[in-house]
Amino acid sequence: MNRFSHAIFRAKQLPFKRTAVQNFDVLIIGSGLAGQSAALRLAKHCRVGLISKRNLEDSASGWAQGGIAAVLDSKDSIEAHIQDTLIAGAWLNDEPATRFVVENGRHAIEWLIEQGVPFTKDEAGYHLTREGGHSARRVIHVADATGLAVQDTLTRKVRTTPNITVLENHIAIDLITGDKLGTGENRCFGAYVLNSRSGEVITVSAPNTLIATGGAGKVYLYTTNPDTSTGDGIAMAYRAGCRVSNMEFIQFHPTCLYHPQAKSFLISEAVRGEGGLLRLPDGTRFMLEHDERAELAPRDIVARAIDFEMKKRGIDCVYLDISHKGEAFLLEHFPNIHARCLELGIDIARDPIPVVPAAHYTCGGIVSDPKGRTDVAGLYVAGEASCTGLHGANRLASNSLLECLIFSEAAVNDILAGKTGKQPTLPPWDESRVTDADEEVVISHNWDELRRFMWDYVGIVRTTKRLKRARHRIGLLMREIDEFYANFRVSHDLIELRNLVFTADLIVRCAMQRKESRGLHYSRDYPEMLPKAKNTVLKRRRPRR
């Protein structure tokens, strides 16, 4: 067992450098939709600590443009939504989990409306749009900035709700489990958390912990995700002994704005849902050559089609054209996209939008049951960090925010219904044997190297040879970061890099297990899909006592 996996065990060594201890009934790590909705539900009953890596407003949830999929129209049906989800997920989905989510969709939307989310309306009521992979209009939205509207609404409530203590600019280092305390008990008791501004490490004690840290898009060079999406919760849970599943399924969003001044700006799926057409530089449409559903095919198919055309023709991007819908329509439905593109000199009412695929969503994650429970007692997960079985091999557009709401509520209900034992006294974080880093450039260099070779070797199209190369490079980085982590004080950047490398390793190991092409995982060496769908599962061995 290498020091990289268990450097945190130095917290058990003496002498200790005393640090602050904070006590809560529930610790929530992550402040996106899953974390904030759970905090608001819990705050009526218990004391909640909410960890946010930056500000409450900074999360992947707030970047979601399209909307939330739910059966709200009498012309639609639960069975149709389930079927669309299973087809998009290449039949790897867990059907009971999928039914559970879809059947609770209306309830989740009604809760958001009760919180004050101003969903867009039309003459018939709430306006519903259609996105790729959906057979009906079932995506409720707030213009083209749904995530931001939802996040802003909940953030205002979180900041004024008693019983919620918000710790902004804090990042969790590792979970505190029975193994780390030397008791061998398979239970989580809280976490060590770094105050990124002061440099102080605090001990957070809680009988229940909810991981809501989001995905791992920043493991790739090009991503639509915010800088906070570094796989922290997935890496921490794996180190704590949780199973992690289907990490090979990284969804690449087909249409990220291609512009030197536009970092990670997503062009919503709804643009294609409302009639946007994908074209080559000469104006020729190409999607019909790849799928009969053309621009409305699921994201994995569209992303691979764009990648194929770019590599075949040696072009830097393709173009998404919705100019035929007219300026009035675009200002009503896509005001954010229209304004941002106009800032960059692109008038989408007249010009096609240059786009490229980019890493967008982590479909695998920490294995959880229908109540949000993980393999470690007292540890729950909700949102993108989880693997509930809903997404299978490819997430259907706009199912993600729905999953956040439904499984965070399920976790809350289980926490409130359960009984908690006596919390042990937790040892403080020990920094008595480390010093300040003298070569911070090592961190930034390793970060850049990791993201580039993951993009080159573990991207939209994969081969066994590329995966082996990536695994070798990850091993070298692990050893370097292990040495750095064991000898220098932890920093925000070092924690993120450590988690990114762990997560990259999980992605590659899962990809190497899958001897087929299914959903988001496409291998040139195994181009066919096997008759029986199976999950890939990884679990770290618990240390011997």
Protein backbone atom coordinates (compact mmCIF):
# COMPACT_ATOMS: atom_id res chain seq x y z
CA MET A 1 0.00 0.00 0.00
CA ASN A 2 1.72 3.20 -1.13
CA ARG A 3 2.05 6.44 0.79
CA PHE A 4 0.07 8.24 -1.89
CA SER A 5 -3.10 6.38 -0.85
CA HIS A 6 -2.57 6.85 2.85
CA ALA A 7 -0.53 9.98 3.40
CA ILE A 8 -3.48 11.21 5.45
CA PHE A 9 -2.55 8.66 8.12
CA ARG A 10 0.07 11.08 9.36
CA ALA A 11 -2.86 12.69 11.23
CA LYS A 12 -2.50 9.84 13.74
CA GLN A 13 1.13 10.61 14.50
CA LEU A 14 2.37 12.68 17.42
CA PRO A 15 3.08 15.43 18.25
CA PHE A 16 -0.10 17.07 16.90
CA LYS A 17 -0.38 20.63 15.76
CA ARG A 18 -3.75 21.58 17.29
CA THR A 19 -6.35 22.77 14.82
CA ALA A 20 -9.95 23.92 15.02
CA VAL A 21 -12.74 21.36 15.34
CA GLN A 22 -16.28 22.01 14.11
CA ASN A 23 -19.22 19.76 14.91
CA PHE A 24 -22.36 19.25 12.82
CA ASP A 25 -25.14 16.70 12.55
CA VAL A 26 -24.57 16.50 8.79
CA LEU A 27 -21.57 17.60 6.75
CA ILE A 28 -22.27 18.35 3.07
CA ILE A 29 -19.21 18.55 0.84
CA GLY A 30 -20.17 20.49 -2.29
CA SER A 31 -22.50 23.42 -2.85
CA GLY A 32 -24.21 22.79 -6.19
CA LEU A 33 -27.83 21.80 -6.62
CA ALA A 34 -27.48 18.45 -4.81
CA GLY A 35 -25.66 20.01 -1.85
CA GLN A 36 -27.82 23.11 -1.47
CA SER A 37 -31.16 21.32 -1.87
CA ALA A 38 -30.08 18.76 0.75
CA ALA A 39 -28.97 21.53 3.11
CA LEU A 40 -32.31 23.34 2.85
CA ARG A 41 -34.25 20.15 3.55
CA LEU A 42 -32.02 19.15 6.47
CA ALA A 43 -31.86 22.57 8.12
CA LYS A 44 -35.41 22.20 9.44
CA HIS A 45 -34.26 19.31 11.61
CA CYS A 46 -30.52 19.51 12.35
CA ARG A 47 -27.24 21.45 12.18
CA VAL A 48 -25.67 21.41 8.72
CA GLY A 49 -22.15 22.28 7.63
CA LEU A 50 -21.92 23.13 3.91
CA ILE A 51 -18.46 23.13 2.32
CA SER A 52 -17.94 25.22 -0.82
CA LYS A 53 -14.59 25.19 -2.64
CA ARG A 54 -15.09 28.77 -3.74
CA ASN A 55 -18.28 30.81 -3.39
CA LEU A 56 -21.73 29.26 -3.21
CA GLU A 57 -22.41 30.58 -6.68
CA ASP A 58 -19.49 28.67 -8.23
CA SER A 59 -20.65 25.19 -9.25
CA ALA A 60 -21.31 23.10 -12.35
CA SER A 61 -25.04 23.29 -11.54
CA GLY A 62 -24.95 27.03 -12.14
CA TRP A 63 -23.45 26.46 -15.60
CA ALA A 64 -26.28 24.22 -16.81
CA GLN A 65 -28.04 26.00 -19.66
CA GLY A 66 -30.65 23.64 -21.08
CA GLY A 67 -33.02 22.73 -18.27
CA ILE A 68 -34.53 19.86 -16.30
CA ALA A 69 -36.25 16.89 -17.94
CA ALA A 70 -39.57 15.84 -16.41
CA VAL A 71 -42.90 14.53 -17.67
CA LEU A 72 -45.13 17.60 -17.35
CA ASP A 73 -47.17 17.48 -20.58
CA SER A 74 -50.27 15.30 -21.00
CA LYS A 75 -48.97 14.29 -24.44
CA ASP A 76 -45.83 12.86 -22.83
CA SER A 77 -45.54 9.78 -20.62
CA ILE A 78 -43.40 8.25 -17.87
CA GLU A 79 -42.75 5.21 -20.06
CA ALA A 80 -41.53 7.37 -22.96
CA HIS A 81 -39.08 9.24 -20.70
CA ILE A 82 -37.80 5.94 -19.28
CA GLN A 83 -37.39 4.48 -22.77
CA ASP A 84 -35.50 7.54 -24.01
CA THR A 85 -33.17 7.30 -20.99
CA LEU A 86 -32.50 3.59 -21.56
CA ILE A 87 -31.80 4.11 -25.27
CA ALA A 88 -29.39 6.97 -24.59
CA GLY A 89 -27.69 4.92 -21.85
CA ALA A 90 -27.08 2.01 -24.28
CA TRP A 91 -29.12 -0.30 -22.01
CA LEU A 92 -26.58 -0.18 -19.19
CA ASN A 93 -28.97 1.82 -17.00
CA ASP A 94 -30.40 0.39 -13.81
CA GLU A 95 -34.10 0.24 -14.71
CA PRO A 96 -35.52 0.56 -11.15
CA ALA A 97 -33.32 3.61 -10.52
CA THR A 98 -34.39 5.11 -13.84
CA ARG A 99 -38.07 4.58 -13.05
CA PHE A 100 -37.60 6.03 -9.56
CA VAL A 101 -36.12 9.23 -10.98
CA VAL A 102 -38.60 9.67 -13.83
CA GLU A 103 -41.64 8.98 -11.66
CA ASN A 104 -40.51 11.62 -9.17
CA GLY A 105 -39.76 14.25 -11.81
CA ARG A 106 -42.92 16.30 -11.36
CA HIS A 107 -42.45 16.31 -7.55
CA ALA A 108 -38.91 17.66 -7.96
CA ILE A 109 -40.02 20.45 -10.30
CA GLU A 110 -42.86 21.41 -7.96
CA TRP A 111 -40.36 21.73 -5.10
CA LEU A 112 -38.22 24.10 -7.18
CA ILE A 113 -41.26 26.17 -8.07
CA GLU A 114 -42.09 26.37 -4.35
CA GLN A 115 -38.57 27.71 -3.73
CA GLY A 116 -39.24 30.47 -6.27
CA VAL A 117 -37.41 29.33 -9.41
CA PRO A 118 -38.83 31.50 -12.26
CA PHE A 119 -39.25 28.90 -15.01
CA THR A 120 -40.04 30.31 -18.46
CA LYS A 121 -43.73 30.41 -19.36
CA ASP A 122 -45.75 30.68 -22.56
CA GLU A 123 -49.44 30.94 -23.37
CA ALA A 124 -49.99 27.27 -22.45
CA GLY A 125 -48.20 27.47 -19.08
CA TYR A 126 -44.57 26.53 -18.54
CA HIS A 127 -42.59 26.40 -21.77
CA LEU A 128 -41.11 22.99 -22.50
CA THR A 129 -38.29 22.48 -24.98
CA ARG A 130 -36.89 19.34 -26.58
CA GLU A 131 -33.28 18.19 -26.56
CA GLY A 132 -31.25 15.47 -28.25
CA GLY A 133 -32.41 11.94 -27.42
CA HIS A 134 -35.85 13.02 -26.16
CA SER A 135 -38.97 11.89 -28.02
CA ALA A 136 -41.08 14.76 -26.67
CA ARG A 137 -40.88 18.29 -25.33
CA ARG A 138 -40.25 17.72 -21.62
CA VAL A 139 -37.39 20.06 -20.65
CA ILE A 140 -38.56 22.83 -18.35
CA HIS A 141 -36.14 25.76 -18.29
CA VAL A 142 -35.37 29.37 -17.43
CA ALA A 143 -34.53 30.75 -20.89
CA ASP A 144 -31.00 29.42 -21.58
CA ALA A 145 -29.65 29.80 -18.04
CA THR A 146 -31.63 27.28 -15.99
CA GLY A 147 -28.80 26.19 -13.73
CA LEU A 148 -27.90 29.76 -12.88
CA ALA A 149 -31.51 30.64 -12.03
CA VAL A 150 -31.92 27.56 -9.84
CA GLN A 151 -28.58 28.13 -8.14
CA ASP A 152 -29.27 31.80 -7.45
CA THR A 153 -32.68 30.99 -6.00
CA LEU A 154 -31.37 28.32 -3.64
CA THR A 155 -28.23 30.27 -2.71
CA ARG A 156 -30.30 33.20 -1.44
CA LYS A 157 -32.29 30.82 0.76
CA VAL A 158 -29.20 28.94 2.01
CA ARG A 159 -27.50 32.18 3.07
CA THR A 160 -30.50 33.19 5.21
CA THR A 161 -31.54 29.79 6.60
CA PRO A 162 -30.75 29.10 10.27
CA ASN A 163 -28.90 25.86 11.05
CA ILE A 164 -26.78 26.04 7.87
CA THR A 165 -23.15 27.01 8.41
CA VAL A 166 -21.54 27.85 5.07
CA LEU A 167 -17.78 27.40 4.81
CA GLU A 168 -16.79 29.09 1.54
CA ASN A 169 -13.28 28.84 0.12
CA HIS A 170 -12.80 25.53 1.90
CA ILE A 171 -11.80 22.24 0.29
CA ALA A 172 -12.07 18.77 1.82
CA ILE A 173 -8.76 16.93 2.00
CA ASP A 174 -9.95 13.48 3.02
CA LEU A 175 -12.76 11.70 4.82
CA ILE A 176 -12.18 10.51 8.39
CA THR A 177 -13.13 6.84 8.65
CA GLY A 178 -12.74 4.05 11.16
CA ASP A 179 -9.78 2.76 9.18
CA LYS A 180 -8.02 6.10 9.54
CA LEU A 181 -8.77 6.17 13.28
CA GLY A 182 -7.37 2.67 13.66
CA THR A 183 -10.66 1.11 14.80
CA GLY A 184 -11.35 -0.71 11.56
CA GLU A 185 -14.99 0.37 11.67
CA ASN A 186 -16.41 0.86 8.18
CA ARG A 187 -17.97 4.24 8.97
CA CYS A 188 -17.36 7.90 8.10
CA PHE A 189 -17.07 10.38 10.98
CA GLY A 190 -16.38 13.61 9.08
CA ALA A 191 -13.51 15.11 7.13
CA TYR A 192 -10.35 17.16 7.25
CA VAL A 193 -10.95 20.47 5.47
CA LEU A 194 -8.52 23.15 4.32
CA ASN A 195 -9.36 26.85 4.59
CA SER A 196 -7.87 27.88 1.25
CA ARG A 197 -7.39 31.50 2.34
CA SER A 198 -5.83 31.07 5.79
CA GLY A 199 -4.08 27.76 5.12
CA GLU A 200 -5.56 26.27 8.31
CA VAL A 201 -6.79 22.68 8.30
CA ILE A 202 -9.90 22.15 10.39
CA THR A 203 -11.38 18.90 11.63
CA VAL A 204 -15.09 18.61 10.85
CA SER A 205 -16.93 16.03 12.94
CA ALA A 206 -20.31 14.74 11.74
CA PRO A 207 -22.10 11.37 12.08
CA ASN A 208 -23.41 11.77 8.52
CA THR A 209 -21.58 13.14 5.49
CA LEU A 210 -23.02 13.80 2.03
CA ILE A 211 -20.67 14.04 -0.94
CA ALA A 212 -22.06 16.44 -3.55
CA THR A 213 -18.82 17.54 -5.20
CA GLY A 214 -19.81 17.13 -8.84
CA GLY A 215 -17.78 15.60 -11.64
CA ALA A 216 -14.25 15.54 -13.00
CA GLY A 217 -14.25 17.49 -16.26
CA LYS A 218 -11.01 19.28 -15.38
CA VAL A 219 -9.11 16.04 -15.86
CA TYR A 220 -9.33 16.92 -19.57
CA LEU A 221 -7.68 19.75 -21.48
CA TYR A 222 -10.96 21.01 -22.94
CA THR A 223 -14.08 21.01 -20.80
CA THR A 224 -17.34 22.85 -20.30
CA ASN A 225 -16.96 22.44 -16.53
CA PRO A 226 -15.94 25.11 -14.00
CA ASP A 227 -12.45 24.94 -12.48
CA THR A 228 -13.91 23.31 -9.35
CA SER A 229 -14.76 20.05 -11.17
CA THR A 230 -11.70 18.06 -10.14
CA GLY A 231 -13.20 14.74 -9.02
CA ASP A 232 -12.64 15.44 -5.32
CA GLY A 233 -15.56 13.47 -3.91
CA ILE A 234 -14.98 10.48 -6.18
CA ALA A 235 -11.30 10.29 -5.21
CA MET A 236 -11.99 10.73 -1.48
CA ALA A 237 -14.73 8.09 -1.45
CA TYR A 238 -12.54 5.61 -3.32
CA ARG A 239 -9.71 6.16 -0.83
CA ALA A 240 -12.25 5.60 1.96
CA GLY A 241 -13.21 2.18 0.55
CA CYS A 242 -16.26 2.92 -1.60
CA ARG A 243 -16.86 1.17 -4.89
CA VAL A 244 -16.55 3.35 -7.98
CA SER A 245 -18.26 2.29 -11.19
CA ASN A 246 -18.39 3.11 -14.93
CA MET A 247 -15.81 5.88 -14.84
CA GLU A 248 -14.95 5.26 -18.49
CA PHE A 249 -18.18 6.97 -19.51
CA ILE A 250 -17.15 10.62 -19.82
CA GLN A 251 -19.70 12.57 -21.80
CA PHE A 252 -18.22 15.00 -24.28
CA HIS A 253 -20.67 17.77 -25.05
CA PRO A 254 -20.78 18.17 -28.83
CA THR A 255 -20.99 21.95 -28.91
CA CYS A 256 -18.58 24.02 -26.86
CA LEU A 257 -17.91 27.47 -28.33
CA TYR A 258 -14.63 27.50 -30.25
CA HIS A 259 -13.03 30.88 -29.68
CA PRO A 260 -9.64 31.87 -28.19
CA GLN A 261 -11.32 34.22 -25.71
CA ALA A 262 -14.14 31.87 -24.67
CA LYS A 263 -13.14 29.51 -21.85
CA SER A 264 -15.51 26.58 -21.38
CA PHE A 265 -18.59 28.33 -22.81
CA LEU A 266 -21.27 25.80 -23.61
CA ILE A 267 -23.73 26.12 -26.50
CA SER A 268 -26.82 24.47 -25.07
CA GLU A 269 -28.29 21.22 -26.37
CA ALA A 270 -31.53 23.17 -26.68
CA VAL A 271 -30.10 25.11 -29.66
CA ARG A 272 -30.20 21.87 -31.67
CA GLY A 273 -33.51 20.99 -30.04
CA GLU A 274 -34.99 24.22 -31.41
CA GLY A 275 -33.74 23.61 -34.95
CA GLY A 276 -30.00 24.35 -34.96
CA LEU A 277 -28.11 22.62 -37.78
CA LEU A 278 -24.52 21.37 -37.75
CA ARG A 279 -22.51 22.33 -40.82
CA LEU A 280 -19.01 21.98 -42.23
CA PRO A 281 -17.05 25.16 -43.04
CA ASP A 282 -18.50 25.12 -46.57
CA GLY A 283 -22.05 25.05 -45.18
CA THR A 284 -22.75 21.36 -45.87
CA ARG A 285 -24.79 19.46 -43.26
CA PHE A 286 -23.21 16.17 -42.16
CA MET A 287 -25.19 14.64 -39.27
CA LEU A 288 -27.57 12.67 -41.50
CA GLU A 289 -24.56 10.67 -42.71
CA HIS A 290 -23.93 9.56 -39.11
CA ASP A 291 -27.42 9.01 -37.66
CA GLU A 292 -30.99 9.15 -38.96
CA ARG A 293 -31.91 11.45 -36.05
CA ALA A 294 -29.36 13.98 -37.37
CA GLU A 295 -28.82 16.87 -34.95
CA LEU A 296 -31.24 15.31 -32.44
CA ALA A 297 -29.17 12.16 -31.96
CA PRO A 298 -27.81 11.56 -28.42
CA ARG A 299 -24.71 13.47 -27.41
CA ASP A 300 -22.23 10.61 -27.75
CA ILE A 301 -23.19 10.09 -31.39
CA VAL A 302 -23.07 13.81 -32.21
CA ALA A 303 -19.73 14.28 -30.44
CA ARG A 304 -18.14 11.35 -32.29
CA ALA A 305 -19.54 12.60 -35.59
CA ILE A 306 -18.01 16.04 -35.07
CA ASP A 307 -14.71 14.50 -33.96
CA PHE A 308 -14.72 12.28 -37.06
CA GLU A 309 -15.38 15.17 -39.44
CA MET A 310 -12.72 17.37 -37.82
CA LYS A 311 -10.05 14.68 -38.04
CA LYS A 312 -11.06 13.53 -41.51
CA ARG A 313 -10.95 17.03 -42.98
CA GLY A 314 -8.22 18.57 -40.79
CA ILE A 315 -10.51 21.37 -39.59
CA ASP A 316 -10.41 23.12 -36.23
CA CYS A 317 -14.17 23.20 -35.66
CA VAL A 318 -17.62 22.76 -37.20
CA TYR A 319 -20.50 25.23 -37.15
CA LEU A 320 -23.88 25.26 -35.44
CA ASP A 321 -26.33 27.37 -37.42
CA ILE A 322 -29.61 28.63 -35.95
CA SER A 323 -29.67 31.94 -37.79
CA HIS A 324 -32.77 30.84 -39.77
CA LYS A 325 -34.90 31.11 -36.60
CA GLY A 326 -34.60 34.90 -36.57
CA GLU A 327 -33.37 37.42 -34.02
CA ALA A 328 -36.63 37.78 -32.07
CA PHE A 329 -36.82 34.02 -31.45
CA LEU A 330 -33.17 33.82 -30.41
CA LEU A 331 -33.44 36.76 -28.01
CA GLU A 332 -36.44 35.13 -26.37
CA HIS A 333 -35.04 31.60 -26.09
CA PHE A 334 -31.26 32.06 -25.97
CA PRO A 335 -30.52 35.54 -24.58
CA ASN A 336 -27.38 34.43 -22.71
CA ILE A 337 -25.85 32.62 -25.68
CA HIS A 338 -26.78 35.50 -28.00
CA ALA A 339 -25.17 38.08 -25.70
CA ARG A 340 -21.98 36.10 -25.03
CA CYS A 341 -21.43 35.33 -28.72
CA LEU A 342 -22.09 38.96 -29.63
CA GLU A 343 -19.37 40.02 -27.17
CA LEU A 344 -16.99 37.87 -29.21
CA GLY A 345 -18.13 39.27 -32.56
CA ILE A 346 -20.51 36.42 -33.47
CA ASP A 347 -24.09 37.43 -34.21
CA ILE A 348 -25.96 34.11 -34.00
CA ALA A 349 -28.99 35.66 -35.74
CA ARG A 350 -26.79 36.01 -38.85
CA ASP A 351 -23.68 33.87 -38.34
CA PRO A 352 -23.11 30.18 -37.60
CA ILE A 353 -21.45 29.41 -34.24
CA PRO A 354 -18.01 27.71 -34.31
CA VAL A 355 -18.14 24.68 -31.99
CA VAL A 356 -16.02 21.71 -30.85
CA PRO A 357 -16.68 18.82 -28.45
CA ALA A 358 -15.45 19.16 -24.84
CA ALA A 359 -15.54 17.00 -21.71
CA HIS A 360 -18.87 17.73 -20.08
CA TYR A 361 -20.28 15.16 -17.68
CA THR A 362 -19.01 12.24 -15.59
CA CYS A 363 -21.61 9.47 -15.97
CA GLY A 364 -19.89 7.07 -13.57
CA GLY A 365 -18.92 7.71 -9.99
CA ILE A 366 -19.41 6.49 -6.43
CA VAL A 367 -21.78 3.54 -6.29
CA SER A 368 -24.92 4.35 -4.31
CA ASP A 369 -28.22 2.68 -3.53
CA PRO A 370 -31.70 4.23 -4.03
CA LYS A 371 -31.31 6.07 -0.71
CA GLY A 372 -28.01 7.68 -1.65
CA ARG A 373 -26.00 5.40 0.65
CA THR A 374 -22.46 4.33 -0.24
CA ASP A 375 -20.44 1.31 0.93
CA VAL A 376 -19.26 3.25 4.01
CA ALA A 377 -21.81 3.76 6.79
CA GLY A 378 -22.70 7.39 7.42
CA LEU A 379 -21.46 8.41 3.97
CA TYR A 380 -23.93 9.44 1.27
CA VAL A 381 -23.57 10.78 -2.27
CA ALA A 382 -25.81 12.72 -4.64
CA GLY A 383 -25.39 14.38 -8.03
CA GLU A 384 -22.65 13.99 -10.58
CA ALA A 385 -20.21 12.37 -8.14
CA SER A 386 -22.56 9.39 -7.84
CA CYS A 387 -23.28 6.32 -9.95
CA THR A 388 -26.96 5.63 -9.29
CA GLY A 389 -27.57 3.65 -12.46
CA LEU A 390 -29.69 6.37 -14.04
CA HIS A 391 -27.30 7.36 -16.82
CA GLY A 392 -25.92 4.00 -17.90
CA ALA A 393 -23.33 4.44 -20.64
CA ASN A 394 -24.49 7.93 -21.61
CA ARG A 395 -26.54 10.60 -19.84
CA LEU A 396 -29.74 11.71 -21.55
CA ALA A 397 -29.77 15.50 -21.83
CA SER A 398 -31.22 17.37 -18.82
CA ASN A 399 -31.56 14.29 -16.60
CA SER A 400 -28.67 15.41 -14.40
CA LEU A 401 -30.29 18.23 -12.41
CA LEU A 402 -33.29 15.96 -11.88
CA GLU A 403 -30.99 13.28 -10.44
CA CYS A 404 -29.43 15.85 -8.08
CA LEU A 405 -32.82 16.78 -6.66
CA ILE A 406 -34.24 13.30 -6.28
CA PHE A 407 -31.26 11.50 -4.78
CA SER A 408 -30.34 14.37 -2.45
CA GLU A 409 -33.89 14.20 -1.08
CA ALA A 410 -33.62 10.40 -0.77
CA ALA A 411 -30.38 10.80 1.19
CA VAL A 412 -31.94 13.43 3.45
CA ASN A 413 -34.89 11.16 4.21
CA ASP A 414 -32.58 8.27 5.10
CA ILE A 415 -30.38 10.47 7.31
CA LEU A 416 -33.39 11.82 9.20
CA ALA A 417 -34.89 8.36 9.63
CA GLY A 418 -31.67 6.81 10.93
CA LYS A 419 -30.06 6.71 14.34
CA THR A 420 -26.53 7.91 14.96
CA GLY A 421 -24.14 6.52 17.50
CA LYS A 422 -21.69 8.40 19.67
CA GLN A 423 -19.10 10.34 17.72
CA PRO A 424 -15.51 9.51 18.65
CA THR A 425 -12.99 12.23 19.41
CA LEU A 426 -11.29 12.96 16.12
CA PRO A 427 -7.56 13.62 15.96
CA PRO A 428 -6.48 16.94 14.47
CA TRP A 429 -4.54 17.26 11.25
CA ASP A 430 -0.79 16.99 11.80
CA GLU A 431 1.62 19.28 9.94
CA SER A 432 4.52 18.88 12.33
CA ARG A 433 6.69 17.04 9.80
CA VAL A 434 6.05 19.04 6.65
CA THR A 435 7.34 22.33 5.26
CA ASP A 436 6.18 24.91 2.74
CA ALA A 437 6.65 23.86 -0.87
CA ASP A 438 9.57 25.50 -2.64
CA GLU A 439 8.60 24.40 -6.16
CA GLU A 440 4.94 25.24 -6.78
CA VAL A 441 5.71 25.08 -10.51
CA VAL A 442 5.77 21.28 -10.14
CA ILE A 443 2.05 21.32 -9.38
CA SER A 444 1.09 23.44 -12.37
CA HIS A 445 3.36 21.43 -14.68
CA ASN A 446 1.89 18.10 -13.55
CA TRP A 447 -1.65 19.49 -13.86
CA ASP A 448 -1.03 20.57 -17.47
CA GLU A 449 0.67 17.30 -18.38
CA LEU A 450 -2.18 15.21 -16.96
CA ARG A 451 -4.94 17.12 -18.73
CA ARG A 452 -3.14 17.05 -22.08
CA PHE A 453 -2.38 13.32 -22.21
CA MET A 454 -5.87 12.47 -20.93
CA TRP A 455 -7.26 14.48 -23.85
CA ASP A 456 -4.91 12.78 -26.33
CA TYR A 457 -5.11 9.20 -25.02
CA VAL A 458 -8.45 8.88 -23.20
CA GLY A 459 -10.69 11.13 -25.28
CA ILE A 460 -13.69 10.58 -27.55
CA VAL A 461 -12.05 7.69 -29.48
CA ARG A 462 -9.77 5.29 -27.59
CA THR A 463 -7.39 2.40 -28.24
CA THR A 464 -5.79 -0.11 -25.89
CA LYS A 465 -2.35 1.26 -26.72
CA ARG A 466 -3.40 4.82 -25.85
CA LEU A 467 -4.93 3.66 -22.57
CA LYS A 468 -1.73 1.82 -21.60
CA ARG A 469 0.31 4.92 -22.34
CA ALA A 470 -2.01 6.99 -20.15
CA ARG A 471 -1.81 4.46 -17.31
CA HIS A 472 1.99 4.54 -17.43
CA ARG A 473 2.08 8.34 -17.31
CA ILE A 474 -0.42 8.40 -14.45
CA GLY A 475 1.81 6.05 -12.46
CA LEU A 476 4.76 8.41 -12.86
CA LEU A 477 2.67 11.40 -11.77
CA MET A 478 1.34 9.49 -8.77
CA ARG A 479 4.85 8.88 -7.49
CA GLU A 480 5.81 12.52 -7.94
CA ILE A 481 2.70 13.82 -6.22
CA ASP A 482 3.05 11.21 -3.46
CA GLU A 483 6.47 12.59 -2.61
CA PHE A 484 5.21 16.18 -2.79
CA TYR A 485 2.15 15.41 -0.65
CA ALA A 486 4.16 13.61 2.03
CA ASN A 487 6.74 16.38 2.47
CA PHE A 488 4.98 19.71 1.98
CA ARG A 489 1.99 21.45 3.53
CA VAL A 490 -1.23 20.83 1.70
CA SER A 491 -2.50 23.56 -0.58
CA HIS A 492 -5.70 23.97 -2.58
CA ASP A 493 -3.87 23.24 -5.85
CA LEU A 494 -2.08 20.19 -4.47
CA ILE A 495 -5.32 18.67 -3.14
CA GLU A 496 -7.02 19.16 -6.51
CA LEU A 497 -4.07 17.71 -8.43
CA ARG A 498 -3.96 14.68 -6.16
CA ASN A 499 -7.68 14.07 -6.72
CA LEU A 500 -7.40 14.64 -10.47
CA VAL A 501 -4.68 12.01 -10.76
CA PHE A 502 -6.68 9.54 -8.69
CA THR A 503 -9.76 10.17 -10.84
CA ALA A 504 -7.79 9.88 -14.09
CA ASP A 505 -6.49 6.52 -12.90
CA LEU A 506 -10.04 5.34 -12.20
CA ILE A 507 -11.19 6.46 -15.67
CA VAL A 508 -8.35 4.62 -17.40
CA ARG A 509 -8.70 1.44 -15.33
CA CYS A 510 -12.43 1.25 -16.05
CA ALA A 511 -11.80 1.92 -19.75
CA MET A 512 -9.24 -0.91 -19.88
CA GLN A 513 -11.76 -3.31 -18.33
CA ARG A 514 -14.39 -2.64 -21.00
CA LYS A 515 -13.76 -4.87 -24.02
CA GLU A 516 -16.48 -3.36 -26.21
CA SER A 517 -17.78 -0.03 -27.49
CA ARG A 518 -20.87 1.13 -25.65
CA GLY A 519 -22.35 4.59 -25.21
CA LEU A 520 -19.63 7.12 -24.46
CA HIS A 521 -16.80 4.58 -24.53
CA TYR A 522 -15.68 3.95 -28.10
CA SER A 523 -12.66 1.72 -28.69
CA ARG A 524 -11.13 1.09 -32.09
CA ASP A 525 -9.86 -2.25 -30.80
CA TYR A 526 -13.33 -3.37 -29.67
CA PRO A 527 -15.77 -1.54 -32.00
CA GLU A 528 -18.75 -3.86 -31.36
CA MET A 529 -21.18 -3.73 -28.45
CA LEU A 530 -21.44 -6.99 -26.47
CA PRO A 531 -24.89 -8.62 -26.14
CA LYS A 532 -24.91 -8.34 -22.33
CA ALA A 533 -24.39 -5.00 -20.61
CA LYS A 534 -22.11 -5.08 -17.56
CA ASN A 535 -20.83 -2.40 -15.22
CA THR A 536 -17.15 -1.85 -14.56
CA VAL A 537 -16.47 -1.67 -10.81
CA LEU A 538 -13.34 -0.73 -8.86
CA LYS A 539 -12.74 -0.89 -5.12
CA ARG A 540 -9.63 -0.20 -3.05
CA ARG A 541 -8.65 -2.86 -0.60
CA ARG A 542 -9.15 -1.85 3.01
CA PRO A 543 -5.88 -1.78 4.98
CA ARG A 544 -5.10 -4.70 7.28
CA ARG A 545 -5.11 -3.89 10.95
